[in-house]
Amino acid sequence: MSWYSRELDKGFAGMIANTAIRNCDSYAVEEEKGLNPGDAVVLGTTENLVKKVDSGSESKVIGVVVHNHKEPSNPYYEQGDSVAIMSTGDIYVEVGEAVTAGDVACIMASTYKWGKTGTAVVGATYIKGAESGKLALLRLRNVTVEQGE
């Protein structure tokens, strides 16, 4: 009898998917509207701050908000909270449209959710697909924004 299975347990948005090599950096949440695990983020207006991607910043995504267990709130991370941002590794994200493994990950202009249409995030690809509103497995490979952008 085996207690192990070939499949991982179901994930949740912002959950680190496996033990593969990853890079996560710490920032503080800039905006009052806060952040939730799985959100795509961009650099804030000053050093060491991040905010959720919005209109005009879709091409400047630096990573994804990682879920760290804490007392729940809405938003999960409030303004000023410390937050881990993954730029390399595998992470679960909720998608705003159906995606399939191999699709380049994009930020949808109308909702700023993950999808396969919109602005492509350089170095981000789905390795497990999902229907709209479900969790896809996203692989990030050194997601960075060039200096001066």
N, C-alpha and C. Protein backbone atom coordinates (compact mmCIF):
# COMPACT_ATOMS: atom_id res chain seq x y z
N MET A 1 0.84 -1.18 0.00
CA MET A 1 0.00 0.00 0.00
C MET A 1 0.89 1.24 0.00
N SER A 2 0.52 2.21 -0.82
CA SER A 2 1.31 3.41 -0.96
C SER A 2 0.51 4.63 -0.51
N TRP A 3 1.16 5.53 0.19
CA TRP A 3 0.54 6.78 0.61
C TRP A 3 0.85 7.90 -0.37
N TYR A 4 1.62 7.61 -1.37
CA TYR A 4 2.04 8.63 -2.32
C TYR A 4 1.28 8.50 -3.63
N SER A 5 1.12 9.61 -4.32
CA SER A 5 0.48 9.56 -5.63
C SER A 5 1.40 10.25 -6.64
N ARG A 6 1.10 10.06 -7.87
CA ARG A 6 1.90 10.68 -8.93
C ARG A 6 1.52 12.13 -9.14
N GLU A 7 0.35 12.51 -8.69
CA GLU A 7 -0.13 13.88 -8.89
C GLU A 7 0.00 14.68 -7.59
N LEU A 8 0.34 15.96 -7.75
CA LEU A 8 0.40 16.84 -6.59
C LEU A 8 -1.00 17.19 -6.14
N ASP A 9 -1.15 17.56 -4.87
CA ASP A 9 -2.44 18.05 -4.39
C ASP A 9 -2.84 19.28 -5.19
N LYS A 10 -4.14 19.58 -5.19
CA LYS A 10 -4.61 20.78 -5.87
C LYS A 10 -3.96 22.01 -5.24
N GLY A 11 -3.68 22.98 -6.07
CA GLY A 11 -3.04 24.18 -5.60
C GLY A 11 -4.02 25.30 -5.32
N PHE A 12 -3.48 26.48 -5.06
CA PHE A 12 -4.27 27.69 -4.89
C PHE A 12 -3.44 28.83 -5.44
N ALA A 13 -4.09 29.92 -5.79
CA ALA A 13 -3.39 31.05 -6.41
C ALA A 13 -2.21 31.50 -5.55
N GLY A 14 -1.06 31.65 -6.19
CA GLY A 14 0.15 32.09 -5.50
C GLY A 14 0.93 30.99 -4.82
N MET A 15 0.44 29.75 -4.90
CA MET A 15 1.15 28.63 -4.27
C MET A 15 2.35 28.23 -5.12
N ILE A 16 3.50 28.09 -4.47
CA ILE A 16 4.69 27.58 -5.16
C ILE A 16 4.40 26.12 -5.48
N ALA A 17 4.60 25.75 -6.74
CA ALA A 17 4.11 24.46 -7.24
C ALA A 17 5.00 23.27 -6.90
N ASN A 18 6.28 23.48 -6.73
CA ASN A 18 7.18 22.35 -6.54
C ASN A 18 8.49 22.81 -5.90
N THR A 19 9.46 21.93 -5.87
CA THR A 19 10.74 22.27 -5.24
C THR A 19 11.81 22.65 -6.25
N ALA A 20 11.40 22.96 -7.47
CA ALA A 20 12.36 23.39 -8.49
C ALA A 20 13.05 24.68 -8.05
N ILE A 21 14.17 24.96 -8.67
CA ILE A 21 14.90 26.19 -8.37
C ILE A 21 13.98 27.39 -8.63
N ARG A 22 14.02 28.35 -7.71
CA ARG A 22 13.17 29.53 -7.85
C ARG A 22 13.87 30.75 -7.26
N ASN A 23 13.38 31.90 -7.65
CA ASN A 23 13.88 33.15 -7.11
C ASN A 23 12.70 33.98 -6.65
N CYS A 24 12.72 34.36 -5.38
CA CYS A 24 11.69 35.22 -4.81
C CYS A 24 12.38 36.37 -4.09
N ASP A 25 11.91 37.57 -4.32
CA ASP A 25 12.44 38.76 -3.67
C ASP A 25 11.36 39.40 -2.82
N SER A 26 11.76 40.09 -1.75
CA SER A 26 10.81 40.74 -0.85
C SER A 26 10.62 42.20 -1.23
N TYR A 27 9.38 42.62 -1.22
CA TYR A 27 9.00 44.01 -1.47
C TYR A 27 7.91 44.37 -0.47
N ALA A 28 7.50 45.64 -0.49
CA ALA A 28 6.35 46.09 0.28
C ALA A 28 5.25 46.48 -0.70
N VAL A 29 3.99 46.29 -0.27
CA VAL A 29 2.84 46.64 -1.10
C VAL A 29 2.68 48.16 -1.10
N GLU A 30 2.62 48.75 -2.28
CA GLU A 30 2.54 50.21 -2.38
C GLU A 30 1.12 50.76 -2.24
N GLU A 31 0.16 50.17 -2.91
CA GLU A 31 -1.15 50.80 -3.04
C GLU A 31 -2.16 50.35 -2.00
N GLU A 32 -3.08 51.24 -1.68
CA GLU A 32 -4.12 50.97 -0.70
C GLU A 32 -5.00 49.79 -1.11
N LYS A 33 -5.18 49.58 -2.43
CA LYS A 33 -6.03 48.47 -2.88
C LYS A 33 -5.37 47.12 -2.65
N GLY A 34 -4.08 47.11 -2.30
CA GLY A 34 -3.39 45.89 -1.91
C GLY A 34 -3.15 44.90 -3.03
N LEU A 35 -2.72 43.69 -2.64
CA LEU A 35 -2.40 42.62 -3.58
C LEU A 35 -2.95 41.30 -3.07
N ASN A 36 -3.15 40.38 -4.00
CA ASN A 36 -3.57 39.02 -3.66
C ASN A 36 -2.59 38.02 -4.25
N PRO A 37 -2.44 36.85 -3.63
CA PRO A 37 -1.56 35.83 -4.18
C PRO A 37 -1.94 35.52 -5.63
N GLY A 38 -0.92 35.40 -6.46
CA GLY A 38 -1.12 35.11 -7.87
C GLY A 38 -1.20 36.33 -8.76
N ASP A 39 -1.29 37.54 -8.16
CA ASP A 39 -1.34 38.76 -8.96
C ASP A 39 -0.01 38.98 -9.68
N ALA A 40 -0.09 39.51 -10.89
CA ALA A 40 1.10 39.99 -11.61
C ALA A 40 1.41 41.37 -11.06
N VAL A 41 2.69 41.65 -10.83
CA VAL A 41 3.06 42.94 -10.25
C VAL A 41 4.15 43.64 -11.06
N VAL A 42 4.21 44.96 -10.86
CA VAL A 42 5.23 45.81 -11.45
C VAL A 42 5.89 46.58 -10.31
N LEU A 43 7.04 47.17 -10.59
CA LEU A 43 7.70 47.99 -9.59
C LEU A 43 6.84 49.18 -9.24
N GLY A 44 6.92 49.61 -7.98
CA GLY A 44 6.16 50.77 -7.51
C GLY A 44 6.86 52.07 -7.86
N THR A 45 6.37 53.16 -7.29
CA THR A 45 6.92 54.48 -7.61
C THR A 45 8.24 54.77 -6.91
N THR A 46 8.52 54.05 -5.83
CA THR A 46 9.82 54.19 -5.17
C THR A 46 10.43 52.81 -4.95
N GLU A 47 11.70 52.80 -4.61
CA GLU A 47 12.45 51.56 -4.43
C GLU A 47 11.80 50.65 -3.38
N ASN A 48 11.85 49.35 -3.66
CA ASN A 48 11.36 48.29 -2.77
C ASN A 48 9.84 48.23 -2.63
N LEU A 49 9.09 48.87 -3.53
CA LEU A 49 7.64 48.80 -3.52
C LEU A 49 7.15 48.13 -4.80
N VAL A 50 6.02 47.40 -4.70
CA VAL A 50 5.38 46.82 -5.88
C VAL A 50 3.90 47.14 -5.85
N LYS A 51 3.29 47.07 -7.04
CA LYS A 51 1.85 47.26 -7.18
C LYS A 51 1.34 46.36 -8.28
N LYS A 52 0.02 46.15 -8.28
CA LYS A 52 -0.59 45.29 -9.28
C LYS A 52 -0.47 45.93 -10.66
N VAL A 53 -0.24 45.10 -11.65
CA VAL A 53 -0.16 45.57 -13.02
C VAL A 53 -1.46 46.30 -13.38
N ASP A 54 -1.34 47.39 -14.14
CA ASP A 54 -2.52 48.15 -14.56
C ASP A 54 -2.27 48.71 -15.95
N SER A 55 -3.17 49.55 -16.42
CA SER A 55 -3.11 50.09 -17.77
C SER A 55 -1.77 50.76 -18.05
N GLY A 56 -1.13 50.31 -19.12
CA GLY A 56 0.14 50.88 -19.53
C GLY A 56 1.36 50.21 -18.92
N SER A 57 1.15 49.36 -17.91
CA SER A 57 2.32 48.72 -17.28
C SER A 57 2.39 47.22 -17.58
N GLU A 58 1.54 46.73 -18.49
CA GLU A 58 1.47 45.29 -18.76
C GLU A 58 2.81 44.71 -19.22
N SER A 59 3.63 45.51 -19.91
CA SER A 59 4.91 45.00 -20.41
C SER A 59 6.03 45.09 -19.38
N LYS A 60 5.72 45.55 -18.16
CA LYS A 60 6.75 45.75 -17.13
C LYS A 60 6.60 44.81 -15.94
N VAL A 61 5.91 43.69 -16.13
CA VAL A 61 5.70 42.72 -15.05
C VAL A 61 7.06 42.19 -14.58
N ILE A 62 7.25 42.18 -13.25
CA ILE A 62 8.50 41.65 -12.68
C ILE A 62 8.31 40.30 -12.01
N GLY A 63 7.05 39.87 -11.82
CA GLY A 63 6.82 38.58 -11.19
C GLY A 63 5.41 38.42 -10.68
N VAL A 64 5.26 37.40 -9.82
CA VAL A 64 3.95 37.00 -9.31
C VAL A 64 3.99 36.98 -7.78
N VAL A 65 2.92 37.44 -7.16
CA VAL A 65 2.81 37.45 -5.70
C VAL A 65 2.69 36.01 -5.19
N VAL A 66 3.56 35.64 -4.26
CA VAL A 66 3.59 34.31 -3.65
C VAL A 66 2.68 34.30 -2.43
N HIS A 67 1.98 33.19 -2.24
CA HIS A 67 1.13 33.03 -1.05
C HIS A 67 1.99 32.61 0.14
N ASN A 68 1.90 33.37 1.21
CA ASN A 68 2.50 33.00 2.49
C ASN A 68 1.37 32.97 3.51
N HIS A 69 1.29 31.90 4.28
CA HIS A 69 0.19 31.76 5.23
C HIS A 69 0.22 32.87 6.27
N LYS A 70 -0.94 33.47 6.48
CA LYS A 70 -1.12 34.52 7.49
C LYS A 70 -2.60 34.62 7.80
N GLU A 71 -2.95 35.43 8.76
CA GLU A 71 -4.36 35.68 9.07
C GLU A 71 -5.01 36.31 7.84
N PRO A 72 -6.08 35.73 7.31
CA PRO A 72 -6.69 36.24 6.07
C PRO A 72 -7.22 37.67 6.22
N SER A 73 -7.13 38.42 5.15
CA SER A 73 -7.71 39.75 5.06
C SER A 73 -8.10 39.97 3.60
N ASN A 74 -8.82 41.05 3.33
CA ASN A 74 -9.22 41.34 1.96
C ASN A 74 -8.88 42.78 1.65
N PRO A 75 -7.85 43.05 0.86
CA PRO A 75 -7.03 42.11 0.11
C PRO A 75 -6.12 41.30 1.04
N TYR A 76 -5.58 40.22 0.52
CA TYR A 76 -4.76 39.34 1.35
C TYR A 76 -3.53 40.08 1.89
N TYR A 77 -2.88 40.87 1.01
CA TYR A 77 -1.75 41.70 1.45
C TYR A 77 -2.20 43.15 1.36
N GLU A 78 -2.16 43.84 2.48
CA GLU A 78 -2.60 45.23 2.54
C GLU A 78 -1.42 46.17 2.32
N GLN A 79 -1.73 47.42 2.09
CA GLN A 79 -0.71 48.43 1.87
C GLN A 79 0.33 48.38 2.98
N GLY A 80 1.62 48.34 2.61
CA GLY A 80 2.71 48.30 3.58
C GLY A 80 3.15 46.91 3.98
N ASP A 81 2.33 45.87 3.71
CA ASP A 81 2.72 44.49 4.03
C ASP A 81 3.94 44.07 3.22
N SER A 82 4.75 43.22 3.81
CA SER A 82 5.87 42.61 3.09
C SER A 82 5.32 41.47 2.25
N VAL A 83 5.81 41.35 1.02
CA VAL A 83 5.29 40.35 0.10
C VAL A 83 6.44 39.75 -0.70
N ALA A 84 6.38 38.43 -0.93
CA ALA A 84 7.38 37.75 -1.75
C ALA A 84 6.91 37.76 -3.20
N ILE A 85 7.82 38.11 -4.11
CA ILE A 85 7.52 38.15 -5.53
C ILE A 85 8.43 37.15 -6.25
N MET A 86 7.81 36.17 -6.93
CA MET A 86 8.57 35.16 -7.66
C MET A 86 8.85 35.64 -9.08
N SER A 87 10.13 35.58 -9.49
CA SER A 87 10.51 35.92 -10.86
C SER A 87 11.04 34.70 -11.61
N THR A 88 11.36 33.64 -10.88
CA THR A 88 11.80 32.39 -11.49
C THR A 88 11.19 31.25 -10.69
N GLY A 89 10.58 30.29 -11.39
CA GLY A 89 10.01 29.13 -10.72
C GLY A 89 8.63 28.80 -11.26
N ASP A 90 7.97 27.84 -10.62
CA ASP A 90 6.64 27.39 -11.02
C ASP A 90 5.64 27.78 -9.95
N ILE A 91 4.54 28.41 -10.37
CA ILE A 91 3.56 28.95 -9.43
C ILE A 91 2.16 28.84 -10.03
N TYR A 92 1.16 28.64 -9.16
CA TYR A 92 -0.23 28.57 -9.61
C TYR A 92 -0.80 29.98 -9.72
N VAL A 93 -1.52 30.23 -10.83
CA VAL A 93 -2.21 31.51 -11.02
C VAL A 93 -3.62 31.24 -11.53
N GLU A 94 -4.55 32.11 -11.16
CA GLU A 94 -5.91 32.02 -11.70
C GLU A 94 -5.92 32.73 -13.04
N VAL A 95 -6.52 32.07 -14.04
CA VAL A 95 -6.56 32.65 -15.38
C VAL A 95 -7.94 33.22 -15.70
N GLY A 96 -7.95 34.27 -16.50
CA GLY A 96 -9.18 34.93 -16.89
C GLY A 96 -9.76 34.41 -18.19
N GLU A 97 -9.08 33.46 -18.81
CA GLU A 97 -9.56 32.79 -20.02
C GLU A 97 -8.88 31.44 -20.10
N ALA A 98 -9.42 30.54 -20.89
CA ALA A 98 -8.84 29.20 -21.02
C ALA A 98 -7.43 29.29 -21.62
N VAL A 99 -6.52 28.54 -21.02
CA VAL A 99 -5.15 28.46 -21.52
C VAL A 99 -4.74 26.99 -21.60
N THR A 100 -3.74 26.70 -22.41
CA THR A 100 -3.23 25.33 -22.53
C THR A 100 -1.73 25.34 -22.29
N ALA A 101 -1.21 24.18 -21.94
CA ALA A 101 0.23 24.04 -21.72
C ALA A 101 0.97 24.48 -22.99
N GLY A 102 2.00 25.28 -22.81
CA GLY A 102 2.78 25.78 -23.93
C GLY A 102 2.41 27.18 -24.36
N ASP A 103 1.23 27.66 -23.95
CA ASP A 103 0.85 29.04 -24.28
C ASP A 103 1.77 30.02 -23.58
N VAL A 104 2.11 31.09 -24.28
CA VAL A 104 2.85 32.19 -23.66
C VAL A 104 1.88 32.91 -22.73
N ALA A 105 2.30 33.20 -21.52
CA ALA A 105 1.45 33.88 -20.55
C ALA A 105 1.36 35.36 -20.89
N CYS A 106 0.15 35.89 -20.84
CA CYS A 106 -0.11 37.29 -21.15
C CYS A 106 -0.93 37.93 -20.03
N ILE A 107 -0.91 39.25 -20.03
CA ILE A 107 -1.77 40.02 -19.15
C ILE A 107 -2.89 40.57 -20.02
N MET A 108 -4.13 40.22 -19.67
CA MET A 108 -5.29 40.65 -20.44
C MET A 108 -5.58 42.13 -20.13
N ALA A 109 -5.64 42.95 -21.16
CA ALA A 109 -5.80 44.40 -21.00
C ALA A 109 -7.11 44.79 -20.31
N SER A 110 -8.17 44.04 -20.52
CA SER A 110 -9.47 44.43 -19.97
C SER A 110 -9.60 44.15 -18.48
N THR A 111 -8.89 43.13 -17.97
CA THR A 111 -9.06 42.73 -16.57
C THR A 111 -7.76 42.69 -15.78
N TYR A 112 -6.63 42.72 -16.47
CA TYR A 112 -5.29 42.60 -15.86
C TYR A 112 -5.12 41.25 -15.19
N LYS A 113 -5.84 40.24 -15.69
CA LYS A 113 -5.68 38.88 -15.21
C LYS A 113 -4.76 38.13 -16.15
N TRP A 114 -4.30 36.98 -15.71
CA TRP A 114 -3.48 36.10 -16.54
C TRP A 114 -4.34 35.51 -17.64
N GLY A 115 -3.78 35.34 -18.82
CA GLY A 115 -4.48 34.74 -19.95
C GLY A 115 -3.51 34.39 -21.05
N LYS A 116 -4.02 34.22 -22.28
CA LYS A 116 -3.15 33.95 -23.42
C LYS A 116 -3.27 35.03 -24.48
N THR A 117 -4.14 36.02 -24.25
CA THR A 117 -4.26 37.17 -25.15
C THR A 117 -3.91 38.42 -24.37
N GLY A 118 -3.41 39.41 -25.06
CA GLY A 118 -3.02 40.64 -24.41
C GLY A 118 -1.52 40.85 -24.54
N THR A 119 -0.90 41.41 -23.53
CA THR A 119 0.53 41.70 -23.54
C THR A 119 1.30 40.52 -22.98
N ALA A 120 2.20 39.96 -23.78
CA ALA A 120 3.00 38.81 -23.35
C ALA A 120 3.96 39.20 -22.24
N VAL A 121 4.11 38.32 -21.27
CA VAL A 121 5.09 38.50 -20.19
C VAL A 121 6.33 37.70 -20.60
N VAL A 122 7.42 38.41 -20.89
CA VAL A 122 8.64 37.76 -21.35
C VAL A 122 9.13 36.77 -20.31
N GLY A 123 9.35 35.52 -20.73
CA GLY A 123 9.85 34.50 -19.82
C GLY A 123 8.78 33.76 -19.04
N ALA A 124 7.51 33.91 -19.42
CA ALA A 124 6.42 33.26 -18.69
C ALA A 124 5.60 32.38 -19.65
N THR A 125 5.48 31.09 -19.29
CA THR A 125 4.77 30.11 -20.11
C THR A 125 3.95 29.20 -19.22
N TYR A 126 2.76 28.83 -19.68
CA TYR A 126 1.95 27.87 -18.93
C TYR A 126 2.49 26.46 -19.16
N ILE A 127 2.67 25.71 -18.08
CA ILE A 127 3.09 24.31 -18.23
C ILE A 127 1.95 23.36 -17.91
N LYS A 128 0.84 23.90 -17.41
CA LYS A 128 -0.39 23.14 -17.23
C LYS A 128 -1.54 24.11 -17.47
N GLY A 129 -2.44 23.75 -18.37
CA GLY A 129 -3.53 24.62 -18.75
C GLY A 129 -4.68 24.60 -17.77
N ALA A 130 -5.68 25.45 -18.05
CA ALA A 130 -6.87 25.53 -17.19
C ALA A 130 -7.96 26.27 -17.94
N GLU A 131 -9.20 26.06 -17.50
CA GLU A 131 -10.35 26.80 -18.00
C GLU A 131 -10.38 28.16 -17.32
N SER A 132 -11.15 29.08 -17.90
CA SER A 132 -11.30 30.41 -17.32
C SER A 132 -11.77 30.33 -15.87
N GLY A 133 -11.13 31.10 -15.00
CA GLY A 133 -11.49 31.13 -13.59
C GLY A 133 -10.86 30.02 -12.76
N LYS A 134 -10.09 29.15 -13.39
CA LYS A 134 -9.43 28.03 -12.70
C LYS A 134 -7.93 28.31 -12.58
N LEU A 135 -7.21 27.36 -11.98
CA LEU A 135 -5.78 27.52 -11.75
C LEU A 135 -4.94 26.87 -12.84
N ALA A 136 -4.02 27.63 -13.39
CA ALA A 136 -3.05 27.12 -14.35
C ALA A 136 -1.69 27.13 -13.66
N LEU A 137 -0.80 26.29 -14.14
CA LEU A 137 0.56 26.25 -13.61
C LEU A 137 1.45 27.08 -14.54
N LEU A 138 2.03 28.14 -13.98
CA LEU A 138 2.82 29.10 -14.73
C LEU A 138 4.29 28.90 -14.43
N ARG A 139 5.11 28.83 -15.47
CA ARG A 139 6.57 28.75 -15.30
C ARG A 139 7.17 30.10 -15.64
N LEU A 140 7.89 30.66 -14.67
CA LEU A 140 8.58 31.93 -14.84
C LEU A 140 10.06 31.66 -15.01
N ARG A 141 10.67 32.28 -16.01
CA ARG A 141 12.10 32.12 -16.25
C ARG A 141 12.76 33.50 -16.25
N ASN A 142 13.27 33.91 -15.10
CA ASN A 142 13.99 35.18 -14.97
C ASN A 142 13.20 36.36 -15.52
N VAL A 143 11.98 36.51 -15.07
CA VAL A 143 11.15 37.63 -15.49
C VAL A 143 11.77 38.90 -14.93
N THR A 144 12.19 39.77 -15.82
CA THR A 144 12.80 41.04 -15.41
C THR A 144 12.41 42.12 -16.40
N VAL A 145 12.50 43.34 -15.97
CA VAL A 145 12.27 44.49 -16.84
C VAL A 145 13.63 45.13 -17.08
N GLU A 146 13.91 45.46 -18.33
CA GLU A 146 15.18 46.11 -18.66
C GLU A 146 15.30 47.45 -17.94
N GLN A 147 16.49 47.79 -17.50
CA GLN A 147 16.73 49.08 -16.87
C GLN A 147 16.33 50.19 -17.84
N GLY A 148 15.72 51.23 -17.32
CA GLY A 148 15.35 52.37 -18.12
C GLY A 148 13.97 52.28 -18.76
N GLU A 149 13.31 51.14 -18.63
CA GLU A 149 11.97 51.01 -19.21
C GLU A 149 10.94 51.63 -18.30
